[in-house]
Each structure stands twice: as C-alpha cells, then as structure tokens.
C-alpha cells in the first residue's frame, strides 16, 4: 500500500469522530495519527505529545508567527488548535496519516493536500443526539455545552465541503461505511 496519503476527520463535538478514528487505527496499521497542538488544558489522563501537544495561548501565538503550522484555528477565544508542519512532514515519509481536526482545519488540510487527501465529515443524526452524547461524557459544563451546540450547528454547514459525510446513527454501520470508503481511497 502506497504511503503518504492523508485522511482528514472533522465533525462537531459529540459526533463520534474520535471513536471512528480509533476504530480505523485498530483496523489498518498503515496509519499514524497526527497529533494536533492545542492551547486548551489536558482532559483526564491526556499527555503532552501523545493525544495533543499542549501550549499556552501565548506559546501558540508565537508558533503561528513563526509559521510552524500547516493549519491552525482559534476555535474559541484563546482556544487554538493546529497541526505542526514538522510533525506531518516526518510522518508522511513513512506512513499514511490521520487528522482529527475542526471543520475549518479540515477544509484547510484538504486544500493543502488536494487529491492526496480524503476529507471525511462525521455527523450525529441530530443536534438533540449531540446534546445527549455531550451530557453522557460528563466532562462538559452547561455553559460549555451550549457553546458547543451552537458551534455544532455552524459546523454542520461545512459537511458539503467534505469528500464524504458519514452519519453516525449506528456505530457498526458507520464503521463498515468508513472501512469501505478508506480502503477504496487507499487503493486508488
């Protein structure tokens, strides 16, 4: 299998994107996971350099000014997410790479990598289902949940810019659809 292809996952918070990314990683060892940088604090047992590269908002701004990102976005005030160029370039030499990014980052990465990339947008069947999933996580304050839900409605307007939309209403169905789509892309 040819290395150096890019799979981009984007979705509103609570859509099941991370679950699908982990599933794909378990089924195909030709991928490495792109570790995004963020200015948010770690959640639970997240570790720097494993789930994310954690920077303060000031450090993140310094890296932006130095041109160190393939893409970045200030998703909320002082809450940045981005992809470091140095990491991606090294990974693409040896592997296919998965990105788990916000919708604007997904569009930027697709524009940057073009036909070498497959942009997959994952969405829950409804905003009500997103709310239920966020409540089930138990790590989101009511204020943060309302912000995320408002943002989710906006983010869903980006689905049309993706190469593929997977509606995650049944995890098993979404997983099967994902494998079929990715295998086809990798064989092209």
C-alpha atoms as a PDB file:
ATOM      1  CA  UNK A   1       0.000   0.000   0.000  1.00  0.00           C
ATOM      2  CA  UNK A   2       1.389   3.403  -1.012  1.00  0.00           C
ATOM      3  CA  UNK A   3       2.373   5.572   1.950  1.00  0.00           C
ATOM      4  CA  UNK A   4       1.852   9.250   2.307  1.00  0.00           C
ATOM      5  CA  UNK A   5      -1.910   9.569   1.906  1.00  0.00           C
ATOM      6  CA  UNK A   6      -3.939  11.770   4.195  1.00  0.00           C
ATOM      7  CA  UNK A   7      -7.295  11.022   5.838  1.00  0.00           C
ATOM      8  CA  UNK A   8      -8.923  14.060   7.447  1.00  0.00           C
ATOM      9  CA  UNK A   9     -11.703  13.617  10.005  1.00  0.00           C
ATOM     10  CA  UNK A  10     -13.802  16.540  11.103  1.00  0.00           C
ATOM     11  CA  UNK A  11     -17.074  16.778  12.985  1.00  0.00           C
ATOM     12  CA  UNK A  12     -18.990  18.685  15.605  1.00  0.00           C
ATOM     13  CA  UNK A  13     -18.089  17.742  19.167  1.00  0.00           C
ATOM     14  CA  UNK A  14     -20.020  14.621  20.208  1.00  0.00           C
ATOM     15  CA  UNK A  15     -20.478  13.173  16.704  1.00  0.00           C
ATOM     16  CA  UNK A  16     -18.360  10.098  17.397  1.00  0.00           C
ATOM     17  CA  UNK A  17     -15.419  11.182  15.290  1.00  0.00           C
ATOM     18  CA  UNK A  18     -12.753  10.114  17.787  1.00  0.00           C
ATOM     19  CA  UNK A  19     -14.412   6.700  18.177  1.00  0.00           C
ATOM     20  CA  UNK A  20     -14.310   6.196  14.396  1.00  0.00           C
ATOM     21  CA  UNK A  21     -10.687   7.381  14.212  1.00  0.00           C
ATOM     22  CA  UNK A  22      -9.678   4.849  16.906  1.00  0.00           C
ATOM     23  CA  UNK A  23     -11.594   2.117  15.073  1.00  0.00           C
ATOM     24  CA  UNK A  24      -9.819   2.843  11.782  1.00  0.00           C
ATOM     25  CA  UNK A  25      -6.442   2.888  13.541  1.00  0.00           C
ATOM     26  CA  UNK A  26      -7.219  -0.556  15.012  1.00  0.00           C
ATOM     27  CA  UNK A  27      -8.085  -1.966  11.566  1.00  0.00           C
ATOM     28  CA  UNK A  28      -5.257  -0.501   9.462  1.00  0.00           C
ATOM     29  CA  UNK A  29      -1.675  -0.272  10.684  1.00  0.00           C
ATOM     30  CA  UNK A  30      -0.535   1.828   7.697  1.00  0.00           C
ATOM     31  CA  UNK A  31      -1.652   4.972   9.565  1.00  0.00           C
ATOM     32  CA  UNK A  32      -0.047   7.199  12.094  1.00  0.00           C
ATOM     33  CA  UNK A  33      -2.165   9.671  13.948  1.00  0.00           C
ATOM     34  CA  UNK A  34      -1.415  13.332  13.513  1.00  0.00           C
ATOM     35  CA  UNK A  35      -1.117  14.801  16.956  1.00  0.00           C
ATOM     36  CA  UNK A  36      -2.657  18.247  16.952  1.00  0.00           C
ATOM     37  CA  UNK A  37      -1.441  21.151  19.019  1.00  0.00           C
ATOM     38  CA  UNK A  38      -3.865  22.967  21.304  1.00  0.00           C
ATOM     39  CA  UNK A  39      -3.979  25.735  23.854  1.00  0.00           C
ATOM     40  CA  UNK A  40      -6.667  24.021  25.929  1.00  0.00           C
ATOM     41  CA  UNK A  41      -5.711  22.248  29.135  1.00  0.00           C
ATOM     42  CA  UNK A  42      -5.397  18.447  29.129  1.00  0.00           C
ATOM     43  CA  UNK A  43      -8.556  16.436  29.906  1.00  0.00           C
ATOM     44  CA  UNK A  44      -8.452  13.397  32.159  1.00  0.00           C
ATOM     45  CA  UNK A  45      -5.232  11.483  31.575  1.00  0.00           C
ATOM     46  CA  UNK A  46      -4.203  13.184  28.315  1.00  0.00           C
ATOM     47  CA  UNK A  47      -0.435  13.575  27.968  1.00  0.00           C
ATOM     48  CA  UNK A  48       1.618  16.140  26.094  1.00  0.00           C
ATOM     49  CA  UNK A  49       2.931  14.715  22.827  1.00  0.00           C
ATOM     50  CA  UNK A  50       0.556  11.739  22.947  1.00  0.00           C
ATOM     51  CA  UNK A  51      -3.030  12.964  22.498  1.00  0.00           C
ATOM     52  CA  UNK A  52      -2.045  16.606  21.830  1.00  0.00           C
ATOM     53  CA  UNK A  53       0.870  18.988  22.068  1.00  0.00           C
ATOM     54  CA  UNK A  54      -0.280  21.388  24.796  1.00  0.00           C
ATOM     55  CA  UNK A  55       0.804  25.037  24.619  1.00  0.00           C
ATOM     56  CA  UNK A  56      -0.318  28.184  26.392  1.00  0.00           C
ATOM     57  CA  UNK A  57      -2.209  30.658  24.177  1.00  0.00           C
ATOM     58  CA  UNK A  58       0.934  32.831  24.143  1.00  0.00           C
ATOM     59  CA  UNK A  59       3.174  29.919  23.045  1.00  0.00           C
ATOM     60  CA  UNK A  60       0.650  29.006  20.359  1.00  0.00           C
ATOM     61  CA  UNK A  61       0.651  32.583  19.014  1.00  0.00           C
ATOM     62  CA  UNK A  62       4.477  32.518  18.876  1.00  0.00           C
ATOM     63  CA  UNK A  63       4.374  29.336  16.775  1.00  0.00           C
ATOM     64  CA  UNK A  64       1.784  30.902  14.443  1.00  0.00           C
ATOM     65  CA  UNK A  65       4.033  33.948  13.983  1.00  0.00           C
ATOM     66  CA  UNK A  66       6.979  31.639  13.231  1.00  0.00           C
ATOM     67  CA  UNK A  67       4.960  29.830  10.504  1.00  0.00           C
ATOM     68  CA  UNK A  68       5.179  26.442  12.251  1.00  0.00           C
ATOM     69  CA  UNK A  69       1.635  25.242  11.385  1.00  0.00           C
ATOM     70  CA  UNK A  70       0.172  23.590   8.272  1.00  0.00           C
ATOM     71  CA  UNK A  71      -3.157  24.884   9.577  1.00  0.00           C
ATOM     72  CA  UNK A  72      -4.498  26.380  12.779  1.00  0.00           C
ATOM     73  CA  UNK A  73      -7.693  27.869  14.065  1.00  0.00           C
ATOM     74  CA  UNK A  74      -8.784  29.847  17.093  1.00  0.00           C
ATOM     75  CA  UNK A  75     -11.868  27.733  17.737  1.00  0.00           C
ATOM     76  CA  UNK A  76     -12.910  29.698  20.826  1.00  0.00           C
ATOM     77  CA  UNK A  77     -11.261  32.753  22.406  1.00  0.00           C
ATOM     78  CA  UNK A  78      -7.677  31.731  23.357  1.00  0.00           C
ATOM     79  CA  UNK A  79      -8.556  28.103  22.441  1.00  0.00           C
ATOM     80  CA  UNK A  80      -6.326  27.275  19.496  1.00  0.00           C
ATOM     81  CA  UNK A  81      -5.931  24.010  17.594  1.00  0.00           C
ATOM     82  CA  UNK A  82      -3.426  23.392  14.834  1.00  0.00           C
ATOM     83  CA  UNK A  83      -1.142  20.983  13.016  1.00  0.00           C
ATOM     84  CA  UNK A  84       2.633  21.350  13.235  1.00  0.00           C
ATOM     85  CA  UNK A  85       4.405  21.191   9.843  1.00  0.00           C
ATOM     86  CA  UNK A  86       7.477  19.429  11.217  1.00  0.00           C
ATOM     87  CA  UNK A  87       5.489  16.519  12.600  1.00  0.00           C
ATOM     88  CA  UNK A  88       3.400  15.980   9.459  1.00  0.00           C
ATOM     89  CA  UNK A  89       6.357  16.081   7.078  1.00  0.00           C
ATOM     90  CA  UNK A  90       8.240  13.459   9.097  1.00  0.00           C
ATOM     91  CA  UNK A  91       5.212  11.169   9.397  1.00  0.00           C
ATOM     92  CA  UNK A  92       4.274  11.288   5.698  1.00  0.00           C
ATOM     93  CA  UNK A  93       7.720   9.981   4.763  1.00  0.00           C
ATOM     94  CA  UNK A  94       6.856   6.627   6.349  1.00  0.00           C
ATOM     95  CA  UNK A  95       3.099   6.329   6.776  1.00  0.00           C
ATOM     96  CA  UNK A  96      -0.367   7.388   5.823  1.00  0.00           C
ATOM     97  CA  UNK A  97      -1.613   9.926   8.329  1.00  0.00           C
ATOM     98  CA  UNK A  98      -4.947  10.569  10.058  1.00  0.00           C
ATOM     99  CA  UNK A  99      -6.044  14.039  11.101  1.00  0.00           C
ATOM    100  CA  UNK A 100      -8.756  14.722  13.690  1.00  0.00           C
ATOM    101  CA  UNK A 101      -9.416  18.452  13.288  1.00  0.00           C
ATOM    102  CA  UNK A 102     -12.137  21.111  13.456  1.00  0.00           C
ATOM    103  CA  UNK A 103     -14.090  21.862  10.264  1.00  0.00           C
ATOM    104  CA  UNK A 104     -12.043  24.869   9.188  1.00  0.00           C
ATOM    105  CA  UNK A 105      -8.843  22.901   9.765  1.00  0.00           C
ATOM    106  CA  UNK A 106     -10.300  20.053   7.711  1.00  0.00           C
ATOM    107  CA  UNK A 107     -11.020  22.409   4.815  1.00  0.00           C
ATOM    108  CA  UNK A 108      -7.523  23.918   5.063  1.00  0.00           C
ATOM    109  CA  UNK A 109      -5.853  20.495   5.090  1.00  0.00           C
ATOM    110  CA  UNK A 110      -7.932  19.311   2.122  1.00  0.00           C
ATOM    111  CA  UNK A 111      -6.932  22.436   0.193  1.00  0.00           C
ATOM    112  CA  UNK A 112      -3.260  21.922   1.129  1.00  0.00           C
ATOM    113  CA  UNK A 113      -3.057  18.197   0.277  1.00  0.00           C
ATOM    114  CA  UNK A 114      -5.635  18.108  -2.563  1.00  0.00           C
ATOM    115  CA  UNK A 115      -6.125  14.681  -4.177  1.00  0.00           C
ATOM    116  CA  UNK A 116      -3.647  13.142  -1.749  1.00  0.00           C
ATOM    117  CA  UNK A 117      -6.283  13.690   0.980  1.00  0.00           C
ATOM    118  CA  UNK A 118      -9.718  12.277   1.780  1.00  0.00           C
ATOM    119  CA  UNK A 119     -11.852  14.645   3.869  1.00  0.00           C
ATOM    120  CA  UNK A 120     -14.444  12.748   5.951  1.00  0.00           C
ATOM    121  CA  UNK A 121     -17.114  14.666   7.848  1.00  0.00           C
ATOM    122  CA  UNK A 122     -18.820  12.765  10.670  1.00  0.00           C
ATOM    123  CA  UNK A 123     -22.157  13.931  11.994  1.00  0.00           C
ATOM    124  CA  UNK A 124     -24.661  12.753  14.558  1.00  0.00           C
ATOM    125  CA  UNK A 125     -28.226  12.209  13.341  1.00  0.00           C
ATOM    126  CA  UNK A 126     -29.430  15.400  15.114  1.00  0.00           C
ATOM    127  CA  UNK A 127     -28.460  18.253  17.414  1.00  0.00           C
ATOM    128  CA  UNK A 128     -30.570  16.604  20.161  1.00  0.00           C
ATOM    129  CA  UNK A 129     -28.439  13.466  19.856  1.00  0.00           C
ATOM    130  CA  UNK A 130     -25.292  15.616  20.093  1.00  0.00           C
ATOM    131  CA  UNK A 131     -26.641  17.105  23.331  1.00  0.00           C
ATOM    132  CA  UNK A 132     -27.288  13.601  24.743  1.00  0.00           C
ATOM    133  CA  UNK A 133     -23.760  12.483  23.842  1.00  0.00           C
ATOM    134  CA  UNK A 134     -22.157  15.548  25.412  1.00  0.00           C
ATOM    135  CA  UNK A 135     -24.203  15.057  28.594  1.00  0.00           C
ATOM    136  CA  UNK A 136     -23.127  11.396  28.642  1.00  0.00           C
ATOM    137  CA  UNK A 137     -19.452  12.390  28.585  1.00  0.00           C
ATOM    138  CA  UNK A 138     -19.843  14.164  31.897  1.00  0.00           C
ATOM    139  CA  UNK A 139     -16.863  16.468  31.235  1.00  0.00           C
ATOM    140  CA  UNK A 140     -18.709  19.482  29.830  1.00  0.00           C
ATOM    141  CA  UNK A 141     -20.200  22.315  31.877  1.00  0.00           C
ATOM    142  CA  UNK A 142     -23.683  23.550  30.893  1.00  0.00           C
ATOM    143  CA  UNK A 143     -22.172  26.798  29.560  1.00  0.00           C
ATOM    144  CA  UNK A 144     -19.563  24.930  27.526  1.00  0.00           C
ATOM    145  CA  UNK A 145     -22.259  22.560  26.225  1.00  0.00           C
ATOM    146  CA  UNK A 146     -24.367  25.453  24.923  1.00  0.00           C
ATOM    147  CA  UNK A 147     -21.284  26.903  23.183  1.00  0.00           C
ATOM    148  CA  UNK A 148     -20.515  23.532  21.603  1.00  0.00           C
ATOM    149  CA  UNK A 149     -24.095  23.007  20.422  1.00  0.00           C
ATOM    150  CA  UNK A 150     -24.255  26.465  18.844  1.00  0.00           C
ATOM    151  CA  UNK A 151     -20.932  25.790  17.169  1.00  0.00           C
ATOM    152  CA  UNK A 152     -22.138  22.340  16.035  1.00  0.00           C
ATOM    153  CA  UNK A 153     -24.996  23.877  14.075  1.00  0.00           C
ATOM    154  CA  UNK A 154     -22.497  26.149  12.313  1.00  0.00           C
ATOM    155  CA  UNK A 155     -20.012  23.304  11.757  1.00  0.00           C
ATOM    156  CA  UNK A 156     -22.665  21.144  10.099  1.00  0.00           C
ATOM    157  CA  UNK A 157     -22.807  23.698   7.273  1.00  0.00           C
ATOM    158  CA  UNK A 158     -19.273  22.563   6.322  1.00  0.00           C
ATOM    159  CA  UNK A 159     -20.368  18.982   5.595  1.00  0.00           C
ATOM    160  CA  UNK A 160     -20.909  19.872   1.928  1.00  0.00           C
ATOM    161  CA  UNK A 161     -17.186  20.741   1.595  1.00  0.00           C
ATOM    162  CA  UNK A 162     -16.077  17.248   2.637  1.00  0.00           C
ATOM    163  CA  UNK A 163     -15.415  14.421   0.194  1.00  0.00           C
ATOM    164  CA  UNK A 164     -17.639  12.086   2.243  1.00  0.00           C
ATOM    165  CA  UNK A 165     -20.229  12.519   5.010  1.00  0.00           C
ATOM    166  CA  UNK A 166     -20.801   9.658   7.452  1.00  0.00           C
ATOM    167  CA  UNK A 167     -23.916   9.973   9.611  1.00  0.00           C
ATOM    168  CA  UNK A 168     -23.068   8.186  12.848  1.00  0.00           C
ATOM    169  CA  UNK A 169     -26.522   6.973  13.859  1.00  0.00           C
ATOM    170  CA  UNK A 170     -25.360   3.372  14.231  1.00  0.00           C
ATOM    171  CA  UNK A 171     -21.746   2.800  15.222  1.00  0.00           C
ATOM    172  CA  UNK A 172     -21.491  -0.565  13.442  1.00  0.00           C
ATOM    173  CA  UNK A 173     -22.924   0.881  10.211  1.00  0.00           C
ATOM    174  CA  UNK A 174     -20.636   3.933  10.411  1.00  0.00           C
ATOM    175  CA  UNK A 175     -17.591   1.695  10.995  1.00  0.00           C
ATOM    176  CA  UNK A 176     -18.408  -0.513   7.981  1.00  0.00           C
ATOM    177  CA  UNK A 177     -19.003   2.537   5.773  1.00  0.00           C
ATOM    178  CA  UNK A 178     -15.742   4.076   6.953  1.00  0.00           C
ATOM    179  CA  UNK A 179     -13.671   0.968   6.156  1.00  0.00           C
ATOM    180  CA  UNK A 180     -15.167   0.681   2.686  1.00  0.00           C
ATOM    181  CA  UNK A 181     -14.536   4.354   1.865  1.00  0.00           C
ATOM    182  CA  UNK A 182     -10.969   4.406   3.204  1.00  0.00           C
ATOM    183  CA  UNK A 183      -9.956   1.114   1.557  1.00  0.00           C
ATOM    184  CA  UNK A 184     -11.216   2.408  -1.799  1.00  0.00           C
ATOM    185  CA  UNK A 185      -9.287   5.685  -1.379  1.00  0.00           C
ATOM    186  CA  UNK A 186      -6.052   3.923  -0.391  1.00  0.00           C
ATOM    187  CA  UNK A 187      -6.249   1.562  -3.358  1.00  0.00           C
ATOM    188  CA  UNK A 188      -6.587   4.395  -5.891  1.00  0.00           C
END
